[in-house]
Protein backbone atom coordinates (compact mmCIF):
# COMPACT_ATOMS: atom_id res chain seq x y z
CA MET A 1 8.88 -1.07 -6.95
CA SER A 2 6.65 -1.58 -10.02
CA ARG A 3 3.40 -1.19 -8.07
CA ARG A 4 4.74 1.97 -6.46
CA ILE A 5 5.37 3.79 -9.70
CA LEU A 6 2.75 2.24 -11.99
CA VAL A 7 0.21 4.99 -11.48
CA LEU A 8 2.89 7.63 -11.98
CA PHE A 9 4.58 6.33 -15.11
CA CYS A 10 1.39 5.95 -17.15
CA LEU A 11 1.30 7.60 -20.54
CA ALA A 12 -1.58 10.00 -20.40
CA LEU A 13 -3.30 12.88 -22.13
CA LEU A 14 -2.37 15.89 -20.09
CA ALA A 15 -5.79 17.53 -20.21
CA SER A 16 -6.93 18.87 -16.85
CA SER A 17 -10.47 20.15 -16.48
CA ILE A 18 -11.71 22.48 -13.78
CA LEU A 19 -15.27 21.59 -12.83
CA PRO A 20 -17.78 24.38 -12.22
CA ALA A 21 -18.42 25.05 -8.55
CA SER A 22 -21.95 23.64 -8.72
CA ALA A 23 -20.65 20.37 -10.21
CA ARG A 24 -17.94 20.13 -7.57
CA GLN A 25 -20.45 20.72 -4.81
CA ASP A 26 -22.75 18.07 -6.29
CA ASP A 27 -19.89 15.54 -6.33
CA LEU A 28 -18.94 16.45 -2.78
CA ARG A 29 -22.52 15.89 -1.62
CA GLN A 30 -22.76 12.62 -3.57
CA LEU A 31 -19.55 11.31 -2.02
CA TYR A 32 -20.50 12.28 1.51
CA SER A 33 -24.09 11.06 1.38
CA THR A 34 -23.05 7.73 -0.16
CA LEU A 35 -20.33 7.11 2.42
CA ALA A 36 -22.43 8.28 5.37
CA SER A 37 -25.35 6.01 4.44
CA GLY A 38 -23.53 3.03 2.90
CA HIS A 39 -20.49 2.55 5.14
CA ALA A 40 -20.68 -0.08 7.87
CA ASP A 41 -19.93 2.59 10.50
CA PHE A 42 -18.88 5.87 8.92
CA ASN A 43 -19.03 7.70 12.25
CA ASN A 44 -16.73 5.34 14.16
CA THR A 45 -14.34 8.21 15.01
CA VAL A 46 -16.33 11.39 14.25
CA THR A 47 -19.92 12.23 15.11
CA ALA A 48 -22.48 12.83 12.37
CA GLY A 49 -22.65 16.48 13.41
CA GLU A 50 -18.89 16.93 13.18
CA ALA A 51 -18.85 15.31 9.75
CA ASP A 52 -21.75 17.48 8.55
CA ASP A 53 -19.97 20.63 9.69
CA TYR A 54 -16.71 19.60 8.04
CA VAL A 55 -18.33 18.87 4.68
CA SER A 56 -20.34 22.10 4.86
CA GLN A 57 -17.12 24.08 5.31
CA LEU A 58 -15.54 22.28 2.34
CA SER A 59 -18.56 23.06 0.19
CA ASP A 60 -17.98 26.77 0.72
CA LYS A 61 -14.39 26.46 -0.52
CA VAL A 62 -14.47 24.08 -3.48
CA ASP A 63 -15.08 26.78 -6.09
CA SER A 64 -11.70 28.37 -5.32
CA MET A 65 -9.69 25.13 -5.32
CA ASN A 66 -7.45 23.86 -8.10
CA ASP A 67 -7.81 20.24 -9.24
CA ALA A 68 -5.22 18.90 -6.81
CA GLN A 69 -6.73 20.73 -3.84
CA TYR A 70 -10.18 19.49 -4.80
CA TRP A 71 -9.01 15.87 -4.99
CA TYR A 72 -7.48 16.10 -1.52
CA ALA A 73 -10.65 17.74 -0.21
CA LEU A 74 -12.69 14.79 -1.43
CA SER A 75 -10.11 12.34 -0.08
CA SER A 76 -10.34 14.02 3.33
CA VAL A 77 -14.07 13.22 3.39
CA ALA A 78 -13.29 9.55 2.80
CA ALA A 79 -10.63 9.78 5.53
CA LEU A 80 -13.34 10.62 8.07
CA ALA A 81 -14.28 6.92 8.07
CA HIS A 82 -10.86 5.98 9.51
CA ASP A 83 -10.89 2.99 7.17
CA SER A 84 -8.14 1.99 4.73
CA HIS A 85 -10.66 0.43 2.34
CA THR A 86 -12.79 3.57 2.02
CA SER A 87 -10.93 5.77 -0.42
CA LEU A 88 -10.89 7.88 -3.56
CA GLN A 89 -8.90 6.78 -6.59
CA LEU A 90 -6.45 9.04 -8.36
CA SER A 91 -7.34 9.73 -11.98
CA VAL A 92 -5.11 10.56 -14.92
CA SER A 93 -6.64 14.03 -15.21
CA THR A 94 -5.93 14.67 -11.53
CA LEU A 95 -2.34 13.48 -11.89
CA ALA A 96 -1.93 15.79 -14.87
CA SER A 97 -2.56 18.76 -12.58
CA PHE A 98 0.09 17.67 -10.04
CA SER A 99 3.76 18.65 -9.79
CA PHE A 100 6.20 15.82 -9.12
CA LEU A 101 9.37 15.57 -7.10
CA PRO A 102 12.12 13.94 -9.20
CA VAL A 103 12.76 11.34 -6.47
CA ILE A 104 11.04 8.22 -5.09
CA PHE A 105 11.27 7.24 -1.42
CA ASP A 106 11.25 4.02 0.54
CA SER A 107 11.91 3.27 4.21
CA PHE A 108 14.22 0.75 5.84
CA ASP A 109 14.96 -0.45 9.35
CA GLY A 110 11.87 1.32 10.62
CA ALA A 111 13.65 4.67 10.26
CA GLU A 112 13.66 7.68 7.98
CA LEU A 113 12.99 7.84 4.24
CA THR A 114 15.63 6.73 1.75
CA ILE A 115 15.84 7.81 -1.90
CA VAL A 116 15.59 4.62 -4.00
CA ALA A 117 14.98 6.15 -7.44
CA CYS A 118 15.41 9.56 -9.03
CA ASP A 119 15.95 11.48 -12.22
CA SER A 120 19.15 10.10 -13.76
CA GLN A 121 20.79 13.54 -13.55
CA LEU A 122 20.43 13.33 -9.77
CA SER A 123 21.83 9.81 -9.37
CA TRP A 124 24.18 10.99 -6.63
CA LEU A 125 21.06 11.24 -4.41
CA LEU A 126 20.50 7.47 -4.47
CA GLY A 127 20.72 5.96 -1.00
CA LYS A 128 20.53 9.32 0.75
CA LYS A 129 18.59 9.18 4.02
CA VAL A 130 16.07 12.01 4.38
CA VAL A 131 15.41 13.18 7.94
CA SER A 132 13.05 16.03 7.04
CA VAL A 133 11.13 17.69 4.20
CA ASN A 134 11.03 21.46 4.69
CA GLY A 135 11.77 20.86 8.35
CA PHE A 136 9.07 18.22 8.87
CA SER A 137 10.08 14.73 10.00
CA LEU A 138 8.41 11.58 8.68
CA ASP A 139 6.38 11.26 11.90
CA GLN A 140 5.14 14.83 11.52
CA ILE A 141 4.20 14.18 7.89
CA LEU A 142 2.26 11.07 8.91
CA GLU A 143 0.45 12.99 11.63
CA ARG A 144 -0.81 15.58 9.13
CA ALA A 145 -1.50 13.03 6.39
CA ARG A 146 -4.04 11.13 8.52
CA THR A 147 -6.57 13.89 7.90
CA VAL A 148 -6.47 13.62 4.10
CA ILE A 149 -5.43 10.04 3.28
CA PRO A 150 -7.80 7.24 4.42
CA SER A 151 -6.14 4.72 6.73
CA ASP A 152 -6.72 2.82 9.94
CA ASN A 153 -3.07 2.36 10.91
CA ASP A 154 0.24 4.07 10.20
CA VAL A 155 1.80 1.04 8.48
CA HIS A 156 -0.78 1.28 5.71
CA LEU A 157 -0.64 5.06 5.67
CA LEU A 158 3.12 5.09 5.09
CA SER A 159 2.76 2.45 2.37
CA VAL A 160 0.18 4.59 0.54
CA LEU A 161 2.33 7.70 0.88
CA LYS A 162 5.39 5.91 -0.53
CA ASP A 163 3.35 4.51 -3.40
CA ASN A 164 2.08 7.92 -4.45
CA HIS A 165 1.78 11.06 -2.38
CA LEU A 166 5.36 11.61 -1.21
CA VAL A 167 6.32 12.44 -4.80
CA PHE A 168 3.49 14.99 -5.22
CA ARG A 169 4.44 18.57 -4.41
CA ASP A 170 0.69 19.24 -4.09
CA PHE A 171 0.55 16.80 -1.18
CA TYR A 172 3.05 18.87 0.80
CA GLU A 173 1.13 22.05 -0.02
CA GLU A 174 -2.08 20.40 1.17
CA LEU A 175 -0.45 19.56 4.50
CA GLY A 176 0.97 23.05 4.93
CA ILE A 177 4.54 21.76 4.69
CA VAL A 178 5.40 23.91 1.69
CA LYS A 179 3.82 27.18 0.57
CA GLU A 180 2.92 28.10 -3.00
CA GLY A 181 6.06 29.22 -4.81
CA GLU A 182 8.36 27.82 -2.11
CA ASP A 183 11.00 25.17 -2.88
CA ILE A 184 10.89 21.62 -1.56
CA GLU A 185 14.01 21.18 0.57
CA LEU A 186 15.30 17.82 1.76
CA GLU A 187 17.51 17.47 4.82
CA PHE A 188 19.81 14.45 4.86
CA ASP A 189 21.19 12.57 7.84
CA ASP A 190 24.66 13.98 7.15
CA GLY A 191 23.38 17.50 7.84
CA CYS A 192 23.32 18.59 4.19
CA PHE A 193 20.31 20.10 2.40
CA PHE A 194 19.12 19.93 -1.20
CA ARG A 195 16.36 21.82 -3.00
CA LEU A 196 14.36 19.96 -5.63
CA GLU A 197 13.00 21.34 -8.88
CA CYS A 198 9.60 19.78 -9.52
CA GLN A 199 8.39 18.31 -12.80
CA SER A 200 5.15 17.95 -14.71
CA LEU A 201 3.61 14.51 -15.20
CA ALA A 202 4.97 14.46 -18.76
CA GLN A 203 8.51 15.21 -17.55
CA TYR A 204 8.28 12.78 -14.65
CA SER A 205 6.90 9.97 -16.82
CA THR A 206 9.48 10.25 -19.60
CA SER A 207 12.71 11.37 -17.94
CA PRO A 208 15.39 8.65 -17.51
CA LYS A 209 15.54 7.22 -13.99
CA ALA A 210 18.36 5.88 -11.83
CA TYR A 211 17.61 3.14 -9.30
CA LEU A 212 19.20 2.10 -6.04
CA MET A 213 18.16 -1.53 -6.48
CA GLN A 214 20.82 -3.34 -8.51
CA LYS A 215 19.28 -6.81 -8.51
CA ALA A 216 15.69 -8.00 -8.23
CA VAL A 217 14.73 -10.39 -5.44
CA PRO A 218 14.72 -13.84 -7.10
CA THR A 219 12.22 -15.34 -4.63
CA VAL A 220 9.33 -13.20 -5.89
CA ASN A 221 7.31 -14.21 -8.95
CA PRO A 222 5.30 -11.08 -9.80
CA SER A 223 3.94 -12.51 -13.06
CA ALA A 224 1.58 -14.97 -11.37
CA TYR A 225 -1.09 -14.71 -8.68
CA TYR A 226 0.31 -17.89 -7.14
CA SER A 227 3.35 -20.08 -7.72
CA ALA A 228 5.79 -22.31 -5.85
CA MET A 229 9.57 -22.55 -5.94
CA ALA A 230 12.31 -24.63 -4.39
CA LEU A 231 14.90 -22.92 -2.21
CA ALA A 232 18.58 -23.53 -1.41
CA ASP A 233 17.42 -25.41 1.66
CA GLU A 234 16.27 -28.66 0.02
CA ASN A 235 13.81 -29.21 2.87
CA ALA A 236 12.00 -25.91 2.23
CA LEU A 237 9.30 -24.96 -0.30
CA LEU A 238 8.20 -21.37 -0.92
CA ILE A 239 4.59 -20.73 -1.96
CA ASN A 240 4.08 -17.25 -3.41
CA TYR A 241 0.49 -16.05 -2.99
CA HIS A 242 0.27 -12.50 -4.35
CA VAL A 243 -3.44 -12.03 -5.11
CA CYS A 244 -6.51 -13.53 -3.43
CA ALA A 245 -8.11 -14.42 -6.75
CA GLU A 246 -8.29 -17.19 -9.34
CA MET A 247 -5.96 -17.15 -12.33
CA GLU A 248 -7.72 -17.56 -15.65
CA GLY A 249 -7.21 -21.11 -16.91
CA TYR A 250 -5.43 -22.23 -13.74
CA PRO A 251 -7.85 -22.61 -10.80
CA PHE A 252 -6.32 -22.25 -7.36
CA GLY A 253 -7.68 -25.68 -6.39
CA GLN A 254 -5.61 -27.23 -9.17
CA PHE A 255 -2.52 -25.33 -8.06
CA ALA A 256 -3.06 -26.33 -4.42
CA GLY A 257 -3.40 -29.98 -5.38
CA GLN A 258 -0.13 -29.91 -7.31
CA VAL A 259 1.66 -28.19 -4.43
CA LEU A 260 0.37 -30.71 -1.89
CA ASP A 261 1.46 -33.60 -4.14
CA LEU A 262 4.89 -31.96 -4.44
CA ILE A 263 5.21 -31.71 -0.66
CA ARG A 264 4.33 -35.41 -0.29
CA ASP A 265 6.53 -36.63 -3.14
CA ARG A 266 9.65 -34.68 -2.20
CA GLY A 267 9.17 -34.75 1.54
CA TYR A 268 9.38 -31.03 2.18
CA GLY A 269 9.30 -30.38 5.90
CA LYS A 270 9.41 -26.57 5.91
CA ILE A 271 6.59 -24.79 4.08
CA ILE A 272 6.69 -21.00 3.65
CA VAL A 273 3.63 -19.08 2.41
CA ASP A 274 4.48 -15.58 1.14
CA LEU A 275 1.71 -13.00 1.71
CA ARG A 276 3.97 -9.94 1.76
CA TYR A 277 2.75 -8.52 -1.54
CA ASN A 278 -0.88 -9.63 -1.33
CA SER A 279 -3.31 -6.71 -1.16
CA GLY A 280 -6.39 -8.89 -0.85
CA GLY A 281 -9.39 -10.05 -2.82
CA ASP A 282 -11.48 -13.11 -1.97
CA SER A 283 -10.33 -14.59 1.34
CA SER A 284 -11.85 -18.00 0.52
CA VAL A 285 -9.66 -18.70 -2.54
CA ILE A 286 -6.78 -20.07 -0.45
CA GLY A 287 -9.10 -22.56 1.28
CA PRO A 288 -7.95 -25.71 -0.61
CA LEU A 289 -4.34 -25.07 0.35
CA ILE A 290 -5.12 -24.44 4.02
CA ASP A 291 -7.33 -27.55 4.19
CA GLY A 292 -4.72 -29.66 2.42
CA LEU A 293 -1.88 -28.44 4.62
CA GLY A 294 -4.03 -29.20 7.66
CA THR A 295 -4.45 -32.81 6.50
CA LEU A 296 -0.72 -33.14 5.79
CA MET A 297 0.16 -31.81 9.22
CA GLU A 298 -1.99 -34.47 10.80
CA GLU A 299 -0.03 -37.11 8.90
CA GLU A 300 3.51 -35.80 9.41
CA LYS A 301 5.36 -33.02 11.11
CA LEU A 302 5.64 -29.85 9.06
CA GLU A 303 7.07 -26.46 9.94
CA LEU A 304 4.77 -23.77 8.55
CA TYR A 305 5.79 -20.13 8.17
CA VAL A 306 3.89 -17.15 6.73
CA LEU A 307 5.71 -14.07 5.45
CA ILE A 308 3.87 -10.80 6.10
CA GLY A 309 4.65 -7.11 5.68
CA GLU A 310 3.46 -3.59 4.98
CA ASP A 311 1.74 -4.59 1.73
CA THR A 312 -0.20 -7.48 3.29
CA PHE A 313 -3.71 -6.12 3.26
CA SER A 314 -7.41 -6.96 3.58
CA SER A 315 -8.19 -10.63 2.80
CA ALA A 316 -4.49 -11.49 2.92
CA VAL A 317 -4.46 -10.49 6.59
CA LEU A 318 -7.44 -12.77 7.20
CA ASN A 319 -5.56 -15.59 5.45
CA ALA A 320 -2.49 -15.04 7.64
CA ILE A 321 -4.65 -15.15 10.77
CA GLU A 322 -6.31 -18.37 9.62
CA LEU A 323 -2.98 -20.02 8.85
CA ARG A 324 -1.70 -19.03 12.27
CA ASP A 325 -4.81 -19.96 14.25
CA ARG A 326 -5.79 -23.15 12.42
CA LEU A 327 -2.39 -24.58 11.55
CA GLY A 328 -0.04 -22.94 14.04
CA ALA A 329 1.92 -21.06 11.39
CA VAL A 330 4.72 -18.77 12.55
CA LEU A 331 4.43 -15.22 11.16
CA VAL A 332 7.67 -13.72 9.86
CA GLY A 333 8.47 -10.19 8.67
CA ARG A 334 6.90 -6.86 9.58
CA PRO A 335 3.53 -5.55 10.80
CA THR A 336 0.86 -5.73 8.12
CA GLY A 337 -0.56 -2.73 6.32
CA GLY A 338 -4.00 -4.19 6.85
CA SER A 339 -5.35 -4.20 10.39
CA ALA A 340 -6.21 -7.50 12.06
CA SER A 341 -9.77 -6.28 12.63
CA HIS A 342 -10.93 -4.08 9.80
CA TYR A 343 -13.73 -2.80 7.64
CA GLY A 344 -14.09 -4.47 4.26
CA GLU A 345 -16.39 -6.16 1.73
CA LEU A 346 -16.29 -3.21 -0.63
CA ALA A 347 -18.85 -1.36 -2.67
CA SER A 348 -17.88 1.24 -5.25
CA GLY A 349 -19.29 4.27 -7.02
CA THR A 350 -18.37 6.97 -9.53
CA LEU A 351 -18.83 10.69 -8.94
CA GLU A 352 -21.23 11.95 -11.59
CA ASN A 353 -19.34 15.06 -12.68
CA SER A 354 -15.64 14.39 -12.08
CA GLY A 355 -15.80 10.68 -12.92
CA LEU A 356 -13.65 9.87 -9.88
CA VAL A 357 -14.10 6.34 -8.55
CA PHE A 358 -14.48 5.74 -4.82
CA THR A 359 -14.98 2.72 -2.56
CA TRP A 360 -16.45 2.12 0.87
CA SER A 361 -16.74 -0.76 3.32
CA THR A 362 -20.02 -2.50 4.06
CA LYS A 363 -18.89 -4.94 6.76
CA TYR A 364 -16.62 -5.08 9.81
CA PHE A 365 -14.35 -8.08 10.38
CA ASP A 366 -13.67 -8.44 14.11
CA ASN A 367 -10.69 -10.63 14.97
CA GLY A 368 -10.54 -9.58 18.59
CA TYR A 369 -7.89 -6.89 18.44
CA SER A 370 -7.08 -3.73 16.50
CA GLY A 371 -4.03 -2.51 14.67
CA PRO A 372 -1.67 -4.38 12.32
CA LEU A 373 -1.12 -8.12 12.52
CA MET A 374 2.26 -8.50 14.19
CA PRO A 375 5.00 -11.01 13.24
CA ASP A 376 6.23 -13.68 15.64
CA ILE A 377 9.70 -13.31 14.14
CA PRO A 378 10.33 -9.61 13.34
CA VAL A 379 12.64 -8.86 10.40
CA GLU A 380 13.45 -5.27 9.45
CA ARG A 381 13.92 -4.25 5.83
CA ASN A 382 17.62 -3.70 5.21
CA VAL A 383 18.87 -1.27 2.58
CA ASP A 384 21.91 -3.39 1.66
CA ALA A 385 19.64 -6.41 1.13
CA TYR A 386 17.34 -4.23 -0.99
CA ILE A 387 20.22 -3.09 -3.19
CA ASN A 388 21.55 -6.60 -3.73
CA GLY A 389 18.23 -8.42 -4.14
CA VAL A 390 18.50 -10.44 -0.94
CA ASP A 391 15.26 -11.65 0.62
CA SER A 392 15.82 -10.69 4.27
CA ASP A 393 12.81 -12.63 5.57
CA LEU A 394 13.89 -15.91 3.98
CA ALA A 395 17.48 -15.22 5.06
CA ALA A 396 16.21 -14.91 8.65
CA LEU A 397 14.71 -18.39 8.31
CA GLY A 398 18.03 -19.77 7.03
CA VAL A 399 16.59 -21.21 3.83
CA LEU A 400 18.59 -19.22 1.21
């Protein structure tokens, strides 16, 4: 939940600047030329001619766009690469120009959107299942969003939309789902409808919120890149690995050594590596743990499980594949947001006039198949478990 709303709850100066048309056109050209020349294969789904024509048409329109429209125009150029790593960051000044829905969505059981947070005055909306926004289903929203939000699979696309864009009125206007001056109307699964009054960033950031979640999941340690914890099953050890990077003052090699000693000393036979919240970094950091577990598995029988999900991305996907292929780990959870084969190894730049930061991929990682990495043991997210802080994936393994 915290990652989802971090960018939205920032305290910011609400100064929005409209760039002159010439400056906008210069930034558009800079973005396109950089991506077209620097990306590992920018034209993997569109031809160079098609991309040229599209950017030329945008250039003719940028002078009449507001800040939100201009941001989405630039994002749509990045989306041409069909690559989740190639993207444009949201800035505070851009957010200041947006209007916000007073609700936050999540999805459960692979179905429609559910309201998991909202303005406290609308607390009766918590838990409501939304089947359409202005008559558009979630599938229809995803279909239109592919053209403006960079992604290479729908798992990642939905994750990005939940993190940010589904609470932006401007997003729905960009997709043609709502017209200027028209209300945002939600349709619930009980056949009722509700019209939302949108808020400014200042209102959205400071208004009291009500939350569906009543208890945090105790098996997640968000304060550390990596940690380990005992579970109710005395034979099981959970290893949380949330970021593919070294913690300052606590090298991963040191952590891995302590974990391996703990497994030997206490005789743990069921090892669970949690990659569900890991969005990537350096794929080699986890090496000492994988090597050490490999040695242990040669000495004694261990059951190895890896938890994956919609927020498992980039290097974390590569780590899950290595744990499965090298050590025979069983993957548990949901399809990953990162694709098994994907573009990566990022470079970054800053647009000279707007100051917007963008990234692009310089290498392709081919693992033999496309699309998300799939679990061996599928576990759907359950709304009741979410409310009560129950870790459904660990419950499925019988270790809670």
